[in-house]
Amino acid sequence: MMEKLIAMYEKGGITADHLVAECLRLIDPQCPELVLGALPPEVLERMLKYVNDFRPRRMRSNYGIQPAADQIEAAKHWIEAKVAS
């Protein structure tokens, strides 16, 4: 699934924001690296902005079901620990 989403992004089939939304919903909060580890740096930067601006129960995009709060927190902590530092 991740390979397909990344290929769609690289070919211009989806935007970075769409990829962020799709990936956030795939995150296992216990092991976010399975999803996040494959993403290009520019997408991780977009994701960090998304998770920092996230407000529970407020729609942030129209890309389907919104990610759960634990998925958002797992992504934020992983990105800050692995990439942003």
C-alpha atoms as a PDB file:
ATOM      1  CA  MET A   1       0.000   0.000   0.000  1.00  0.00           C
ATOM      2  CA  MET A   2       2.742   2.473   0.931  1.00  0.00           C
ATOM      3  CA  GLU A   3       4.661   1.798  -2.264  1.00  0.00           C
ATOM      4  CA  LYS A   4       1.551   2.488  -4.321  1.00  0.00           C
ATOM      5  CA  LEU A   5       0.808   5.763  -2.506  1.00  0.00           C
ATOM      6  CA  ILE A   6       4.398   6.987  -2.812  1.00  0.00           C
ATOM      7  CA  ALA A   7       4.464   6.087  -6.521  1.00  0.00           C
ATOM      8  CA  MET A   8       1.218   8.008  -7.058  1.00  0.00           C
ATOM      9  CA  TYR A   9       2.747  11.029  -5.315  1.00  0.00           C
ATOM     10  CA  GLU A  10       5.981  10.843  -7.299  1.00  0.00           C
ATOM     11  CA  LYS A  11       4.023  10.637 -10.573  1.00  0.00           C
ATOM     12  CA  GLY A  12       1.838  13.612  -9.614  1.00  0.00           C
ATOM     13  CA  GLY A  13      -1.295  11.533  -9.117  1.00  0.00           C
ATOM     14  CA  ILE A  14      -1.817  12.827  -5.578  1.00  0.00           C
ATOM     15  CA  THR A  15      -0.524  15.844  -3.691  1.00  0.00           C
ATOM     16  CA  ALA A  16       1.785  15.789  -0.691  1.00  0.00           C
ATOM     17  CA  ASP A  17      -1.177  16.776   1.495  1.00  0.00           C
ATOM     18  CA  HIS A  18      -3.226  13.872   0.176  1.00  0.00           C
ATOM     19  CA  LEU A  19      -0.327  11.490   0.827  1.00  0.00           C
ATOM     20  CA  VAL A  20      -0.027  12.857   4.372  1.00  0.00           C
ATOM     21  CA  ALA A  21      -3.715  12.265   5.074  1.00  0.00           C
ATOM     22  CA  GLU A  22      -3.643   8.740   3.652  1.00  0.00           C
ATOM     23  CA  CYS A  23      -0.485   7.799   5.544  1.00  0.00           C
ATOM     24  CA  LEU A  24      -1.679   9.153   8.876  1.00  0.00           C
ATOM     25  CA  ARG A  25      -4.665   6.813   8.738  1.00  0.00           C
ATOM     26  CA  LEU A  26      -2.351   3.840   8.119  1.00  0.00           C
ATOM     27  CA  ILE A  27      -0.113   4.468  11.134  1.00  0.00           C
ATOM     28  CA  ASP A  28       0.022   1.885  13.881  1.00  0.00           C
ATOM     29  CA  PRO A  29       0.638   4.094  16.934  1.00  0.00           C
ATOM     30  CA  GLN A  30       2.885   1.385  18.401  1.00  0.00           C
ATOM     31  CA  CYS A  31       5.122   1.310  15.315  1.00  0.00           C
ATOM     32  CA  PRO A  32       4.785   4.489  13.228  1.00  0.00           C
ATOM     33  CA  GLU A  33       8.088   3.853  11.458  1.00  0.00           C
ATOM     34  CA  LEU A  34       6.463   1.205   9.245  1.00  0.00           C
ATOM     35  CA  VAL A  35       4.611   4.010   7.466  1.00  0.00           C
ATOM     36  CA  LEU A  36       6.713   7.078   8.153  1.00  0.00           C
ATOM     37  CA  GLY A  37      10.098   5.532   7.433  1.00  0.00           C
ATOM     38  CA  ALA A  38       9.331   5.251   3.718  1.00  0.00           C
ATOM     39  CA  LEU A  39       8.213   8.848   3.178  1.00  0.00           C
ATOM     40  CA  PRO A  40      10.326  11.477   1.404  1.00  0.00           C
ATOM     41  CA  PRO A  41      11.603  14.321   3.617  1.00  0.00           C
ATOM     42  CA  GLU A  42       9.342  16.927   2.020  1.00  0.00           C
ATOM     43  CA  VAL A  43       6.285  14.836   2.858  1.00  0.00           C
ATOM     44  CA  LEU A  44       7.439  14.421   6.455  1.00  0.00           C
ATOM     45  CA  GLU A  45       7.768  18.212   6.690  1.00  0.00           C
ATOM     46  CA  ARG A  46       4.169  18.584   5.448  1.00  0.00           C
ATOM     47  CA  MET A  47       3.040  15.913   7.889  1.00  0.00           C
ATOM     48  CA  LEU A  48       4.696  17.681  10.818  1.00  0.00           C
ATOM     49  CA  LYS A  49       2.806  20.855   9.939  1.00  0.00           C
ATOM     50  CA  TYR A  50      -0.435  18.870   9.663  1.00  0.00           C
ATOM     51  CA  VAL A  51      -0.021  17.157  13.038  1.00  0.00           C
ATOM     52  CA  ASN A  52       0.964  20.398  14.761  1.00  0.00           C
ATOM     53  CA  ASP A  53      -2.181  22.075  13.420  1.00  0.00           C
ATOM     54  CA  PHE A  54      -4.452  19.081  14.126  1.00  0.00           C
ATOM     55  CA  ARG A  55      -7.487  19.685  16.322  1.00  0.00           C
ATOM     56  CA  PRO A  56      -9.564  16.654  17.376  1.00  0.00           C
ATOM     57  CA  ARG A  57     -13.114  16.537  16.012  1.00  0.00           C
ATOM     58  CA  ARG A  58     -12.401  19.311  13.508  1.00  0.00           C
ATOM     59  CA  MET A  59     -12.208  18.383   9.860  1.00  0.00           C
ATOM     60  CA  ARG A  60      -8.802  19.183   8.405  1.00  0.00           C
ATOM     61  CA  SER A  61      -9.168  17.668   4.943  1.00  0.00           C
ATOM     62  CA  ASN A  62     -11.707  16.024   2.699  1.00  0.00           C
ATOM     63  CA  TYR A  63      -9.543  12.971   1.965  1.00  0.00           C
ATOM     64  CA  GLY A  64     -11.850  10.621   3.871  1.00  0.00           C
ATOM     65  CA  ILE A  65     -11.912   9.585   7.487  1.00  0.00           C
ATOM     66  CA  GLN A  66      -9.704  11.716   9.703  1.00  0.00           C
ATOM     67  CA  PRO A  67      -6.845   9.996  11.554  1.00  0.00           C
ATOM     68  CA  ALA A  68      -7.268   9.158  15.239  1.00  0.00           C
ATOM     69  CA  ALA A  69      -5.604  11.240  17.937  1.00  0.00           C
ATOM     70  CA  ASP A  70      -3.194   8.416  18.821  1.00  0.00           C
ATOM     71  CA  GLN A  71      -2.081   8.194  15.180  1.00  0.00           C
ATOM     72  CA  ILE A  72      -1.453  11.950  15.139  1.00  0.00           C
ATOM     73  CA  GLU A  73       0.550  11.829  18.368  1.00  0.00           C
ATOM     74  CA  ALA A  74       2.616   8.847  17.207  1.00  0.00           C
ATOM     75  CA  ALA A  75       3.455  10.622  13.938  1.00  0.00           C
ATOM     76  CA  LYS A  76       4.354  13.851  15.716  1.00  0.00           C
ATOM     77  CA  HIS A  77       6.673  12.167  18.209  1.00  0.00           C
ATOM     78  CA  TRP A  78       8.349  10.014  15.553  1.00  0.00           C
ATOM     79  CA  ILE A  79       8.956  12.911  13.166  1.00  0.00           C
ATOM     80  CA  GLU A  80      10.254  15.188  15.907  1.00  0.00           C
ATOM     81  CA  ALA A  81      12.582  12.463  17.215  1.00  0.00           C
ATOM     82  CA  LYS A  82      13.856  11.168  13.865  1.00  0.00           C
ATOM     83  CA  VAL A  83      13.675  14.027  11.419  1.00  0.00           C
ATOM     84  CA  ALA A  84      13.153  17.431  12.971  1.00  0.00           C
ATOM     85  CA  SER A  85      16.073  17.236  15.410  1.00  0.00           C
END
